[in-house]
Protein backbone atom coordinates (compact mmCIF):
# COMPACT_ATOMS: atom_id res chain seq x y z
CA MET A 1 -12.06 -40.85 -6.45
CA GLN A 2 -11.21 -37.80 -4.37
CA ILE A 3 -9.26 -38.11 -1.14
CA GLN A 4 -9.92 -35.54 1.54
CA PHE A 5 -7.61 -35.02 4.48
CA ILE A 6 -9.04 -33.57 7.68
CA LYS A 7 -6.55 -32.26 10.21
CA ASN A 8 -6.82 -32.96 13.89
CA VAL A 9 -6.26 -29.87 15.97
CA GLN A 10 -4.20 -30.46 19.10
CA PHE A 11 -2.49 -27.83 21.18
CA THR A 12 -1.45 -27.07 24.75
CA HIS A 13 -1.67 -23.76 26.53
CA VAL A 14 -0.55 -22.80 30.04
CA LEU A 15 -2.99 -20.53 31.89
CA LYS A 16 -3.18 -19.22 35.42
CA ALA A 17 -6.16 -20.79 37.18
CA ASP A 18 -6.93 -20.74 40.89
CA GLY A 19 -3.61 -19.03 41.62
CA ARG A 20 -1.51 -21.66 39.83
CA MET A 21 -0.13 -22.12 36.35
CA ARG A 22 -1.91 -25.07 34.77
CA GLU A 23 -1.40 -26.86 31.47
CA PHE A 24 -4.60 -27.22 29.43
CA ASN A 25 -4.54 -29.72 26.55
CA PHE A 26 -7.02 -29.15 23.72
CA ARG A 27 -8.05 -31.70 21.08
CA LYS A 28 -10.47 -31.17 18.24
CA PRO A 29 -10.67 -34.21 15.97
CA ASN A 30 -12.44 -32.74 12.93
CA GLY A 31 -10.63 -29.53 12.11
CA LYS A 32 -12.94 -26.57 11.52
CA ASP A 33 -16.24 -28.46 11.68
CA GLN A 34 -18.71 -28.14 14.53
CA ALA A 35 -17.40 -31.25 16.30
CA PRO A 36 -16.73 -30.90 20.02
CA CYS A 37 -13.40 -29.92 21.48
CA THR A 38 -12.05 -31.95 24.39
CA VAL A 39 -9.97 -30.24 27.06
CA ASP A 40 -8.03 -31.87 29.87
CA VAL A 41 -6.11 -30.48 32.84
CA SER A 42 -4.69 -31.79 36.13
CA ASP A 43 -6.17 -30.76 39.46
CA ASP A 44 -4.15 -30.11 42.65
CA ARG A 45 -3.89 -33.84 43.37
CA GLY A 46 -2.72 -34.75 39.88
CA HIS A 47 -6.03 -36.23 38.75
CA ARG A 48 -7.04 -35.47 35.18
CA ILE A 49 -10.18 -33.43 34.61
CA VAL A 50 -11.56 -33.95 31.11
CA PHE A 51 -14.41 -31.87 29.73
CA SER A 52 -16.00 -31.01 26.40
CA MET A 53 -16.74 -27.73 24.71
CA HIS A 54 -19.23 -27.26 21.87
CA LYS A 55 -19.61 -24.31 19.58
CA GLY A 56 -22.97 -22.61 20.06
CA GLU A 57 -24.10 -19.62 18.04
CA ASN A 58 -20.78 -17.77 18.08
CA HIS A 59 -18.91 -19.04 21.11
CA TRP A 60 -17.42 -22.22 22.48
CA LYS A 61 -19.24 -23.26 25.65
CA ILE A 62 -18.38 -25.81 28.32
CA VAL A 63 -21.01 -28.56 28.28
CA SER A 64 -19.65 -30.85 30.99
CA PRO A 65 -21.46 -30.52 34.33
CA ALA A 66 -20.00 -30.18 37.82
CA LEU A 67 -16.60 -28.68 37.02
CA PRO A 68 -14.54 -26.67 39.50
CA THR A 69 -15.12 -22.91 39.30
CA TRP A 70 -11.48 -22.30 38.36
CA ILE A 71 -12.24 -24.08 35.07
CA THR A 72 -15.62 -22.50 34.33
CA GLN A 73 -14.21 -19.02 34.96
CA LEU A 74 -11.85 -19.51 32.00
CA GLU A 75 -14.57 -20.37 29.46
CA ASN A 76 -14.11 -17.09 27.50
CA LYS A 77 -10.34 -17.61 27.38
CA PHE A 78 -10.83 -21.18 26.10
CA ASP A 79 -13.13 -19.79 23.38
CA GLU A 80 -10.40 -17.36 22.27
CA LEU A 81 -7.70 -20.03 22.24
CA ILE A 82 -9.77 -22.51 20.21
CA GLU A 83 -10.83 -19.89 17.67
CA ASP A 84 -7.22 -18.66 17.28
CA GLU A 85 -5.94 -22.18 16.69
CA ILE A 86 -8.69 -23.11 14.22
CA SER A 87 -8.14 -19.90 12.24
CA GLN A 88 -4.55 -21.00 11.56
CA ILE A 89 -5.65 -24.14 9.68
């Protein structure tokens, strides 16, 4: 019997969004596989905004609807951060 360990990928990155520094928390439960990546961040009132990103052809794309523009504008940066973190596994 062969045992296989699959690492969870979790990391936090602080980015400037909407004129403020915000802490984005990333979680990808299945390592390098195509599973979705969950991202959460606090808004100005302290409420958590949680959204998912899926890997399309070559890029990670936000799939959650109705997000503030300050989040959707950072989609390319999120793609870079996720790819950098996964490449270190």
